[in-house]
Amino acid sequence: SDVERVVATALAQHGRIDVWVNNVGRGISRMPSELSDADVDEMMTVNVKSALYGMQAVLPHFKARNAGHLVNVSSMLGRVPFAAQRSAYSGAKHFLNALTANLRAELAPTHPGITVSLFSPGVVATDFGKNALHGGVDSRALPNAQSADDAAAALVKMLETRQADGYSRPEFKQTVVEYFSKL
């Protein structure tokens, strides 16, 4: 109901929605062998279902116009499992990646004017780490943490070019390729 209210309010105030960004996420600090049902449920609810509800709320408007750009913000941990203590978060973001790709495939034949994109940032210098379930490291203290402004600029560039897939740093795509080439 919250996302439906946001869609209705935006349409009432502006008449249309051109871009919808699902930037939802919460981390977790727990090794895979220690995960509880509640941990996994929380990661799925926040990191997948929240985005799904946003997608479903805005899609009727985009379909009626055959126009719009939907972006789901994932994570590099949704691409490459770098941190075992973030396994449930990583798994949820992997699910979001698949959901995004499948929505793109669903809409392409009938609604080619709708762009569906996935954006994968690395560590962004925010309160994200401190707010992880079961505690966590302040993301601002991690090496190579990217400023929120820099990550946002990369997202804006992706919107301008209507890329289906984007990263907050150009080298991240190669990081993913290298990881999977070693398996």
N, C-alpha and C. Protein backbone atom coordinates (compact mmCIF):
# COMPACT_ATOMS: atom_id res chain seq x y z
N SER A 1 0.82 -1.21 0.00
CA SER A 1 0.00 0.00 0.00
C SER A 1 0.86 1.26 0.00
N ASP A 2 2.05 1.21 0.61
CA ASP A 2 2.92 2.39 0.62
C ASP A 2 3.38 2.77 -0.78
N VAL A 3 3.83 1.78 -1.55
CA VAL A 3 4.31 2.12 -2.90
C VAL A 3 3.15 2.51 -3.81
N GLU A 4 2.00 1.90 -3.62
CA GLU A 4 0.83 2.31 -4.42
C GLU A 4 0.46 3.76 -4.12
N ARG A 5 0.59 4.16 -2.86
CA ARG A 5 0.32 5.54 -2.48
C ARG A 5 1.33 6.49 -3.11
N VAL A 6 2.60 6.09 -3.18
CA VAL A 6 3.63 6.93 -3.81
C VAL A 6 3.32 7.11 -5.29
N VAL A 7 2.95 6.03 -5.98
CA VAL A 7 2.60 6.13 -7.39
C VAL A 7 1.41 7.07 -7.57
N ALA A 8 0.37 6.87 -6.79
CA ALA A 8 -0.83 7.72 -6.90
C ALA A 8 -0.51 9.19 -6.63
N THR A 9 0.31 9.45 -5.63
CA THR A 9 0.67 10.83 -5.30
C THR A 9 1.49 11.46 -6.43
N ALA A 10 2.46 10.72 -6.95
CA ALA A 10 3.29 11.24 -8.04
C ALA A 10 2.43 11.55 -9.27
N LEU A 11 1.51 10.65 -9.60
CA LEU A 11 0.65 10.88 -10.76
C LEU A 11 -0.28 12.06 -10.53
N ALA A 12 -0.80 12.21 -9.32
CA ALA A 12 -1.69 13.33 -9.02
C ALA A 12 -0.94 14.67 -9.10
N GLN A 13 0.30 14.68 -8.66
CA GLN A 13 1.07 15.93 -8.62
C GLN A 13 1.75 16.26 -9.94
N HIS A 14 2.16 15.23 -10.70
CA HIS A 14 2.98 15.47 -11.90
C HIS A 14 2.37 14.94 -13.20
N GLY A 15 1.32 14.15 -13.10
CA GLY A 15 0.66 13.66 -14.30
C GLY A 15 1.26 12.43 -14.93
N ARG A 16 2.50 12.15 -14.63
CA ARG A 16 3.15 10.95 -15.17
C ARG A 16 4.41 10.64 -14.37
N ILE A 17 4.88 9.43 -14.55
CA ILE A 17 6.16 8.99 -13.97
C ILE A 17 7.03 8.55 -15.12
N ASP A 18 8.21 9.13 -15.23
CA ASP A 18 9.15 8.77 -16.29
C ASP A 18 10.17 7.72 -15.83
N VAL A 19 10.60 7.83 -14.58
CA VAL A 19 11.63 6.94 -14.04
C VAL A 19 11.19 6.48 -12.65
N TRP A 20 11.38 5.20 -12.39
CA TRP A 20 11.10 4.63 -11.08
C TRP A 20 12.34 3.88 -10.64
N VAL A 21 12.93 4.26 -9.50
CA VAL A 21 14.12 3.61 -8.98
C VAL A 21 13.78 2.91 -7.68
N ASN A 22 13.94 1.61 -7.67
CA ASN A 22 13.79 0.82 -6.44
C ASN A 22 15.17 0.71 -5.80
N ASN A 23 15.43 1.61 -4.86
CA ASN A 23 16.70 1.61 -4.14
C ASN A 23 16.42 1.16 -2.71
N VAL A 24 16.31 -0.14 -2.55
CA VAL A 24 15.98 -0.72 -1.26
C VAL A 24 17.09 -1.67 -0.85
N GLY A 25 17.35 -1.74 0.42
CA GLY A 25 18.34 -2.70 0.86
C GLY A 25 18.66 -2.61 2.32
N ARG A 26 18.94 -3.76 2.86
CA ARG A 26 19.44 -3.87 4.22
C ARG A 26 20.41 -5.04 4.24
N GLY A 27 21.54 -4.83 4.87
CA GLY A 27 22.54 -5.88 4.96
C GLY A 27 22.33 -6.77 6.18
N ILE A 28 23.18 -7.74 6.29
CA ILE A 28 23.15 -8.66 7.42
C ILE A 28 24.59 -9.10 7.67
N SER A 29 24.92 -9.28 8.92
CA SER A 29 26.25 -9.76 9.30
C SER A 29 26.10 -11.09 10.02
N ARG A 30 26.06 -12.14 9.23
CA ARG A 30 25.93 -13.48 9.81
C ARG A 30 26.44 -14.48 8.77
N MET A 31 27.29 -15.39 9.21
CA MET A 31 27.85 -16.40 8.33
C MET A 31 26.74 -17.35 7.87
N PRO A 32 26.90 -17.98 6.70
CA PRO A 32 25.86 -18.87 6.18
C PRO A 32 25.44 -19.97 7.16
N SER A 33 26.39 -20.52 7.89
CA SER A 33 26.08 -21.61 8.82
C SER A 33 25.29 -21.14 10.04
N GLU A 34 25.21 -19.83 10.25
CA GLU A 34 24.52 -19.27 11.41
C GLU A 34 23.15 -18.66 11.08
N LEU A 35 22.76 -18.64 9.82
CA LEU A 35 21.52 -17.98 9.41
C LEU A 35 20.29 -18.67 9.96
N SER A 36 19.34 -17.86 10.38
CA SER A 36 18.05 -18.38 10.84
C SER A 36 17.00 -18.13 9.75
N ASP A 37 15.85 -18.76 9.91
CA ASP A 37 14.74 -18.51 9.00
C ASP A 37 14.38 -17.02 9.01
N ALA A 38 14.38 -16.42 10.20
CA ALA A 38 14.03 -15.00 10.32
C ALA A 38 15.03 -14.13 9.56
N ASP A 39 16.31 -14.48 9.60
CA ASP A 39 17.33 -13.72 8.86
C ASP A 39 17.06 -13.74 7.37
N VAL A 40 16.81 -14.94 6.84
CA VAL A 40 16.56 -15.09 5.41
C VAL A 40 15.26 -14.39 5.02
N ASP A 41 14.23 -14.53 5.83
CA ASP A 41 12.95 -13.87 5.55
C ASP A 41 13.12 -12.35 5.51
N GLU A 42 13.87 -11.79 6.45
CA GLU A 42 14.10 -10.34 6.48
C GLU A 42 14.83 -9.88 5.23
N MET A 43 15.85 -10.62 4.81
CA MET A 43 16.61 -10.23 3.62
C MET A 43 15.73 -10.28 2.37
N MET A 44 14.87 -11.29 2.27
CA MET A 44 13.99 -11.40 1.11
C MET A 44 12.92 -10.31 1.13
N THR A 45 12.36 -10.05 2.30
CA THR A 45 11.31 -9.03 2.40
C THR A 45 11.85 -7.66 2.00
N VAL A 46 12.97 -7.27 2.56
CA VAL A 46 13.51 -5.93 2.30
C VAL A 46 14.13 -5.83 0.91
N ASN A 47 14.98 -6.78 0.56
CA ASN A 47 15.79 -6.65 -0.66
C ASN A 47 15.12 -7.13 -1.93
N VAL A 48 14.09 -7.97 -1.82
CA VAL A 48 13.40 -8.47 -3.02
C VAL A 48 11.96 -7.98 -3.07
N LYS A 49 11.20 -8.29 -2.03
CA LYS A 49 9.78 -7.97 -2.08
C LYS A 49 9.52 -6.47 -2.18
N SER A 50 10.31 -5.66 -1.49
CA SER A 50 10.11 -4.20 -1.58
C SER A 50 10.26 -3.73 -3.02
N ALA A 51 11.28 -4.23 -3.71
CA ALA A 51 11.46 -3.86 -5.12
C ALA A 51 10.33 -4.42 -5.98
N LEU A 52 9.93 -5.66 -5.72
CA LEU A 52 8.84 -6.27 -6.48
C LEU A 52 7.57 -5.44 -6.35
N TYR A 53 7.25 -5.00 -5.14
CA TYR A 53 6.05 -4.18 -4.95
C TYR A 53 6.15 -2.87 -5.72
N GLY A 54 7.33 -2.27 -5.72
CA GLY A 54 7.51 -1.04 -6.49
C GLY A 54 7.34 -1.28 -7.98
N MET A 55 7.90 -2.38 -8.48
CA MET A 55 7.77 -2.72 -9.90
C MET A 55 6.30 -2.90 -10.26
N GLN A 56 5.59 -3.67 -9.45
CA GLN A 56 4.19 -3.96 -9.74
C GLN A 56 3.30 -2.73 -9.62
N ALA A 57 3.66 -1.80 -8.76
CA ALA A 57 2.85 -0.59 -8.59
C ALA A 57 2.99 0.36 -9.76
N VAL A 58 4.19 0.49 -10.32
CA VAL A 58 4.41 1.47 -11.39
C VAL A 58 4.15 0.89 -12.79
N LEU A 59 4.20 -0.43 -12.92
CA LEU A 59 4.06 -1.04 -14.25
C LEU A 59 2.76 -0.72 -14.98
N PRO A 60 1.61 -0.71 -14.33
CA PRO A 60 0.39 -0.37 -15.09
C PRO A 60 0.50 1.01 -15.77
N HIS A 61 1.09 1.98 -15.08
CA HIS A 61 1.27 3.31 -15.66
C HIS A 61 2.24 3.25 -16.84
N PHE A 62 3.37 2.59 -16.66
CA PHE A 62 4.34 2.46 -17.75
C PHE A 62 3.74 1.71 -18.94
N LYS A 63 2.99 0.65 -18.68
CA LYS A 63 2.38 -0.12 -19.77
C LYS A 63 1.36 0.71 -20.53
N ALA A 64 0.56 1.48 -19.82
CA ALA A 64 -0.45 2.32 -20.48
C ALA A 64 0.20 3.32 -21.42
N ARG A 65 1.37 3.80 -21.08
CA ARG A 65 2.09 4.79 -21.90
C ARG A 65 3.09 4.12 -22.86
N ASN A 66 3.40 2.83 -22.66
CA ASN A 66 4.49 2.14 -23.33
C ASN A 66 5.76 2.98 -23.25
N ALA A 67 5.98 3.51 -22.07
CA ALA A 67 7.15 4.36 -21.82
C ALA A 67 7.46 4.34 -20.34
N GLY A 68 8.73 4.49 -20.04
CA GLY A 68 9.18 4.56 -18.66
C GLY A 68 10.49 3.82 -18.50
N HIS A 69 11.15 4.12 -17.42
CA HIS A 69 12.43 3.47 -17.12
C HIS A 69 12.38 3.02 -15.66
N LEU A 70 12.45 1.72 -15.47
CA LEU A 70 12.44 1.12 -14.14
C LEU A 70 13.86 0.65 -13.83
N VAL A 71 14.37 1.04 -12.68
CA VAL A 71 15.71 0.64 -12.27
C VAL A 71 15.64 -0.04 -10.91
N ASN A 72 16.21 -1.22 -10.82
CA ASN A 72 16.38 -1.89 -9.54
C ASN A 72 17.84 -1.77 -9.14
N VAL A 73 18.07 -1.25 -7.94
CA VAL A 73 19.43 -1.12 -7.42
C VAL A 73 19.78 -2.42 -6.69
N SER A 74 20.80 -3.09 -7.19
CA SER A 74 21.28 -4.33 -6.61
C SER A 74 22.54 -4.04 -5.81
N SER A 75 23.59 -4.79 -6.08
CA SER A 75 24.85 -4.65 -5.36
C SER A 75 25.90 -5.49 -6.06
N MET A 76 27.14 -5.11 -5.90
CA MET A 76 28.20 -5.98 -6.39
C MET A 76 28.15 -7.33 -5.67
N LEU A 77 27.65 -7.35 -4.43
CA LEU A 77 27.49 -8.63 -3.73
C LEU A 77 26.39 -9.46 -4.35
N GLY A 78 25.53 -8.88 -5.13
CA GLY A 78 24.55 -9.64 -5.90
C GLY A 78 25.14 -10.22 -7.17
N ARG A 79 26.33 -9.78 -7.50
CA ARG A 79 27.05 -10.28 -8.68
C ARG A 79 28.11 -11.30 -8.29
N VAL A 80 28.87 -10.96 -7.24
CA VAL A 80 30.01 -11.77 -6.81
C VAL A 80 29.95 -11.90 -5.28
N PRO A 81 29.98 -13.11 -4.75
CA PRO A 81 29.90 -13.30 -3.31
C PRO A 81 31.24 -13.03 -2.61
N PHE A 82 31.58 -11.76 -2.45
CA PHE A 82 32.85 -11.36 -1.85
C PHE A 82 32.90 -11.54 -0.34
N ALA A 83 31.75 -11.51 0.35
CA ALA A 83 31.73 -11.44 1.81
C ALA A 83 30.80 -12.51 2.37
N ALA A 84 31.37 -13.55 2.96
CA ALA A 84 30.57 -14.66 3.48
C ALA A 84 29.56 -14.21 4.53
N GLN A 85 29.92 -13.22 5.34
CA GLN A 85 29.01 -12.74 6.38
C GLN A 85 27.81 -12.00 5.80
N ARG A 86 27.82 -11.72 4.51
CA ARG A 86 26.70 -11.06 3.84
C ARG A 86 25.97 -12.04 2.90
N SER A 87 26.07 -13.34 3.17
CA SER A 87 25.52 -14.35 2.24
C SER A 87 24.03 -14.20 2.00
N ALA A 88 23.24 -13.96 3.02
CA ALA A 88 21.79 -13.83 2.82
C ALA A 88 21.46 -12.57 2.03
N TYR A 89 22.19 -11.50 2.26
CA TYR A 89 22.02 -10.27 1.48
C TYR A 89 22.41 -10.54 0.03
N SER A 90 23.55 -11.18 -0.16
CA SER A 90 24.04 -11.51 -1.50
C SER A 90 23.03 -12.37 -2.25
N GLY A 91 22.48 -13.37 -1.57
CA GLY A 91 21.48 -14.24 -2.19
C GLY A 91 20.22 -13.48 -2.58
N ALA A 92 19.78 -12.57 -1.71
CA ALA A 92 18.59 -11.77 -2.02
C ALA A 92 18.84 -10.87 -3.22
N LYS A 93 20.03 -10.29 -3.30
CA LYS A 93 20.34 -9.42 -4.44
C LYS A 93 20.50 -10.25 -5.73
N HIS A 94 21.01 -11.48 -5.63
CA HIS A 94 21.03 -12.37 -6.79
C HIS A 94 19.60 -12.60 -7.29
N PHE A 95 18.67 -12.83 -6.37
CA PHE A 95 17.26 -13.01 -6.72
C PHE A 95 16.74 -11.76 -7.42
N LEU A 96 17.06 -10.58 -6.88
CA LEU A 96 16.62 -9.33 -7.50
C LEU A 96 17.18 -9.20 -8.92
N ASN A 97 18.42 -9.61 -9.12
CA ASN A 97 19.03 -9.56 -10.46
C ASN A 97 18.22 -10.43 -11.43
N ALA A 98 17.88 -11.64 -11.01
CA ALA A 98 17.11 -12.54 -11.87
C ALA A 98 15.71 -11.99 -12.12
N LEU A 99 15.08 -11.46 -11.10
CA LEU A 99 13.75 -10.88 -11.24
C LEU A 99 13.77 -9.73 -12.25
N THR A 100 14.79 -8.90 -12.17
CA THR A 100 14.94 -7.77 -13.09
C THR A 100 15.10 -8.25 -14.53
N ALA A 101 15.99 -9.21 -14.73
CA ALA A 101 16.23 -9.74 -16.08
C ALA A 101 14.96 -10.38 -16.65
N ASN A 102 14.23 -11.08 -15.81
CA ASN A 102 13.02 -11.74 -16.28
C ASN A 102 11.90 -10.74 -16.58
N LEU A 103 11.80 -9.66 -15.81
CA LEU A 103 10.82 -8.62 -16.13
C LEU A 103 11.18 -7.96 -17.46
N ARG A 104 12.46 -7.73 -17.68
CA ARG A 104 12.91 -7.15 -18.96
C ARG A 104 12.49 -8.05 -20.11
N ALA A 105 12.70 -9.36 -19.96
CA ALA A 105 12.32 -10.32 -21.01
C ALA A 105 10.81 -10.38 -21.20
N GLU A 106 10.06 -10.28 -20.11
CA GLU A 106 8.59 -10.30 -20.20
C GLU A 106 8.06 -9.10 -20.98
N LEU A 107 8.62 -7.92 -20.72
CA LEU A 107 8.10 -6.69 -21.32
C LEU A 107 8.60 -6.42 -22.74
N ALA A 108 9.77 -6.93 -23.09
CA ALA A 108 10.38 -6.59 -24.38
C ALA A 108 9.47 -6.83 -25.58
N PRO A 109 8.79 -7.96 -25.69
CA PRO A 109 7.98 -8.19 -26.89
C PRO A 109 6.73 -7.29 -26.99
N THR A 110 6.15 -6.94 -25.87
CA THR A 110 4.87 -6.22 -25.89
C THR A 110 4.98 -4.74 -25.52
N HIS A 111 6.03 -4.36 -24.81
CA HIS A 111 6.20 -2.97 -24.35
C HIS A 111 7.65 -2.52 -24.54
N PRO A 112 8.08 -2.42 -25.80
CA PRO A 112 9.49 -2.07 -26.06
C PRO A 112 9.87 -0.66 -25.60
N GLY A 113 8.91 0.17 -25.28
CA GLY A 113 9.22 1.52 -24.81
C GLY A 113 9.58 1.59 -23.34
N ILE A 114 9.45 0.47 -22.64
CA ILE A 114 9.79 0.43 -21.22
C ILE A 114 11.19 -0.17 -21.08
N THR A 115 12.07 0.57 -20.43
CA THR A 115 13.42 0.09 -20.15
C THR A 115 13.45 -0.45 -18.73
N VAL A 116 14.02 -1.62 -18.57
CA VAL A 116 14.20 -2.22 -17.24
C VAL A 116 15.69 -2.40 -17.04
N SER A 117 16.22 -1.76 -16.01
CA SER A 117 17.66 -1.76 -15.77
C SER A 117 18.01 -2.27 -14.38
N LEU A 118 19.23 -2.76 -14.28
CA LEU A 118 19.80 -3.19 -13.01
C LEU A 118 21.05 -2.36 -12.78
N PHE A 119 21.18 -1.79 -11.58
CA PHE A 119 22.34 -0.98 -11.22
C PHE A 119 23.03 -1.65 -10.04
N SER A 120 24.34 -1.88 -10.16
CA SER A 120 25.10 -2.58 -9.13
C SER A 120 26.22 -1.72 -8.58
N PRO A 121 25.98 -1.08 -7.44
CA PRO A 121 27.06 -0.33 -6.79
C PRO A 121 27.93 -1.26 -5.95
N GLY A 122 29.12 -0.78 -5.65
CA GLY A 122 29.98 -1.45 -4.66
C GLY A 122 29.69 -0.86 -3.30
N VAL A 123 30.70 -0.79 -2.46
CA VAL A 123 30.52 -0.20 -1.14
C VAL A 123 30.33 1.31 -1.31
N VAL A 124 29.25 1.82 -0.75
CA VAL A 124 28.96 3.25 -0.79
C VAL A 124 29.07 3.79 0.64
N ALA A 125 29.71 4.92 0.79
CA ALA A 125 29.99 5.50 2.10
C ALA A 125 28.71 6.09 2.71
N THR A 126 27.92 5.21 3.36
CA THR A 126 26.67 5.59 4.01
C THR A 126 26.57 4.85 5.34
N ASP A 127 25.40 4.93 5.97
CA ASP A 127 25.14 4.20 7.22
C ASP A 127 24.76 2.74 6.97
N PHE A 128 24.80 2.27 5.74
CA PHE A 128 24.34 0.93 5.40
C PHE A 128 24.96 -0.14 6.31
N GLY A 129 26.27 -0.14 6.42
CA GLY A 129 26.95 -1.17 7.22
C GLY A 129 26.56 -1.13 8.68
N LYS A 130 26.46 0.05 9.24
CA LYS A 130 26.09 0.19 10.66
C LYS A 130 24.67 -0.29 10.92
N ASN A 131 23.82 -0.24 9.91
CA ASN A 131 22.42 -0.63 10.07
C ASN A 131 22.14 -2.07 9.67
N ALA A 132 23.18 -2.84 9.41
CA ALA A 132 22.99 -4.24 9.03
C ALA A 132 22.38 -5.02 10.19
N LEU A 133 21.55 -5.97 9.84
CA LEU A 133 20.99 -6.88 10.83
C LEU A 133 22.15 -7.58 11.52
N HIS A 134 22.13 -7.66 12.84
CA HIS A 134 23.20 -8.24 13.67
C HIS A 134 24.46 -7.38 13.68
N GLY A 135 24.33 -6.10 13.34
CA GLY A 135 25.47 -5.17 13.40
C GLY A 135 26.35 -5.25 12.19
N GLY A 136 27.26 -4.33 12.10
CA GLY A 136 28.18 -4.34 10.97
C GLY A 136 29.14 -3.18 11.04
N VAL A 137 30.05 -3.17 10.10
CA VAL A 137 31.09 -2.15 10.01
C VAL A 137 30.51 -0.92 9.31
N ASP A 138 30.88 0.24 9.77
CA ASP A 138 30.48 1.49 9.12
C ASP A 138 31.06 1.50 7.71
N SER A 139 30.20 1.56 6.72
CA SER A 139 30.63 1.51 5.32
C SER A 139 31.61 2.63 4.98
N ARG A 140 31.52 3.74 5.68
CA ARG A 140 32.42 4.87 5.41
C ARG A 140 33.85 4.57 5.81
N ALA A 141 34.05 3.56 6.67
CA ALA A 141 35.39 3.21 7.13
C ALA A 141 36.06 2.16 6.25
N LEU A 142 35.34 1.62 5.29
CA LEU A 142 35.89 0.57 4.44
C LEU A 142 36.75 1.15 3.33
N PRO A 143 37.84 0.45 2.98
CA PRO A 143 38.69 0.96 1.89
C PRO A 143 37.91 0.98 0.57
N ASN A 144 38.18 1.95 -0.22
CA ASN A 144 37.56 2.12 -1.55
C ASN A 144 36.06 2.39 -1.51
N ALA A 145 35.53 2.80 -0.36
CA ALA A 145 34.11 3.17 -0.31
C ALA A 145 33.90 4.36 -1.23
N GLN A 146 32.86 4.29 -2.02
CA GLN A 146 32.54 5.33 -2.99
C GLN A 146 31.55 6.30 -2.37
N SER A 147 31.70 7.58 -2.68
CA SER A 147 30.75 8.54 -2.14
C SER A 147 29.37 8.30 -2.75
N ALA A 148 28.35 8.66 -2.01
CA ALA A 148 26.98 8.53 -2.51
C ALA A 148 26.80 9.38 -3.77
N ASP A 149 27.44 10.55 -3.80
CA ASP A 149 27.34 11.41 -4.98
C ASP A 149 27.93 10.76 -6.22
N ASP A 150 29.07 10.07 -6.06
CA ASP A 150 29.69 9.39 -7.21
C ASP A 150 28.82 8.23 -7.69
N ALA A 151 28.27 7.47 -6.76
CA ALA A 151 27.39 6.36 -7.15
C ALA A 151 26.15 6.90 -7.85
N ALA A 152 25.59 7.99 -7.33
CA ALA A 152 24.40 8.60 -7.95
C ALA A 152 24.71 9.11 -9.35
N ALA A 153 25.89 9.68 -9.55
CA ALA A 153 26.28 10.17 -10.88
C ALA A 153 26.34 9.02 -11.88
N ALA A 154 26.85 7.87 -11.45
CA ALA A 154 26.88 6.70 -12.34
C ALA A 154 25.47 6.22 -12.66
N LEU A 155 24.57 6.28 -11.69
CA LEU A 155 23.18 5.90 -11.93
C LEU A 155 22.53 6.86 -12.92
N VAL A 156 22.78 8.14 -12.78
CA VAL A 156 22.22 9.14 -13.70
C VAL A 156 22.73 8.89 -15.12
N LYS A 157 24.02 8.57 -15.25
CA LYS A 157 24.57 8.26 -16.58
C LYS A 157 23.86 7.05 -17.19
N MET A 158 23.58 6.06 -16.36
CA MET A 158 22.87 4.88 -16.84
C MET A 158 21.47 5.25 -17.31
N LEU A 159 20.81 6.12 -16.58
CA LEU A 159 19.48 6.57 -16.98
C LEU A 159 19.53 7.32 -18.31
N GLU A 160 20.52 8.18 -18.46
CA GLU A 160 20.64 8.97 -19.69
C GLU A 160 20.88 8.10 -20.92
N THR A 161 21.62 7.01 -20.76
CA THR A 161 21.94 6.13 -21.89
C THR A 161 20.98 4.95 -22.01
N ARG A 162 20.08 4.81 -21.03
CA ARG A 162 19.08 3.74 -20.99
C ARG A 162 19.72 2.35 -21.05
N GLN A 163 20.86 2.21 -20.39
CA GLN A 163 21.53 0.92 -20.30
C GLN A 163 20.67 -0.07 -19.54
N ALA A 164 20.73 -1.32 -19.93
CA ALA A 164 20.01 -2.36 -19.21
C ALA A 164 20.77 -2.78 -17.96
N ASP A 165 22.08 -2.59 -17.96
CA ASP A 165 22.91 -3.06 -16.87
C ASP A 165 24.00 -2.04 -16.60
N GLY A 166 24.17 -1.64 -15.35
CA GLY A 166 25.19 -0.65 -15.04
C GLY A 166 25.81 -0.87 -13.68
N TYR A 167 26.98 -0.29 -13.51
CA TYR A 167 27.75 -0.39 -12.28
C TYR A 167 28.12 1.01 -11.81
N SER A 168 28.39 1.13 -10.51
CA SER A 168 28.75 2.45 -9.99
C SER A 168 30.19 2.83 -10.33
N ARG A 169 31.00 1.85 -10.72
CA ARG A 169 32.36 2.09 -11.19
C ARG A 169 32.59 1.25 -12.45
N PRO A 170 33.22 1.83 -13.46
CA PRO A 170 33.40 1.10 -14.73
C PRO A 170 34.15 -0.22 -14.59
N GLU A 171 35.10 -0.29 -13.67
CA GLU A 171 35.92 -1.51 -13.54
C GLU A 171 35.15 -2.68 -12.92
N PHE A 172 33.97 -2.43 -12.36
CA PHE A 172 33.22 -3.51 -11.71
C PHE A 172 32.76 -4.57 -12.70
N LYS A 173 32.45 -4.19 -13.90
CA LYS A 173 32.03 -5.19 -14.90
C LYS A 173 33.14 -6.20 -15.13
N GLN A 174 34.38 -5.73 -15.24
CA GLN A 174 35.51 -6.62 -15.43
C GLN A 174 35.74 -7.49 -14.19
N THR A 175 35.49 -6.96 -13.02
CA THR A 175 35.61 -7.74 -11.78
C THR A 175 34.68 -8.94 -11.83
N VAL A 176 33.46 -8.74 -12.30
CA VAL A 176 32.49 -9.83 -12.41
C VAL A 176 32.96 -10.86 -13.44
N VAL A 177 33.40 -10.38 -14.59
CA VAL A 177 33.89 -11.29 -15.64
C VAL A 177 35.06 -12.13 -15.13
N GLU A 178 35.99 -11.49 -14.45
CA GLU A 178 37.17 -12.22 -13.94
C GLU A 178 36.78 -13.24 -12.88
N TYR A 179 35.86 -12.90 -12.02
CA TYR A 179 35.41 -13.84 -10.99
C TYR A 179 34.85 -15.09 -11.63
N PHE A 180 33.95 -14.95 -12.58
CA PHE A 180 33.30 -16.11 -13.19
C PHE A 180 34.21 -16.86 -14.14
N SER A 181 35.22 -16.22 -14.67
CA SER A 181 36.15 -16.93 -15.56
C SER A 181 37.06 -17.86 -14.77
N LYS A 182 37.18 -17.66 -13.47
CA LYS A 182 38.05 -18.50 -12.64
C LYS A 182 37.32 -19.71 -12.05
N LEU A 183 36.02 -19.79 -12.25
CA LEU A 183 35.26 -20.92 -11.66
C LEU A 183 35.46 -22.20 -12.44
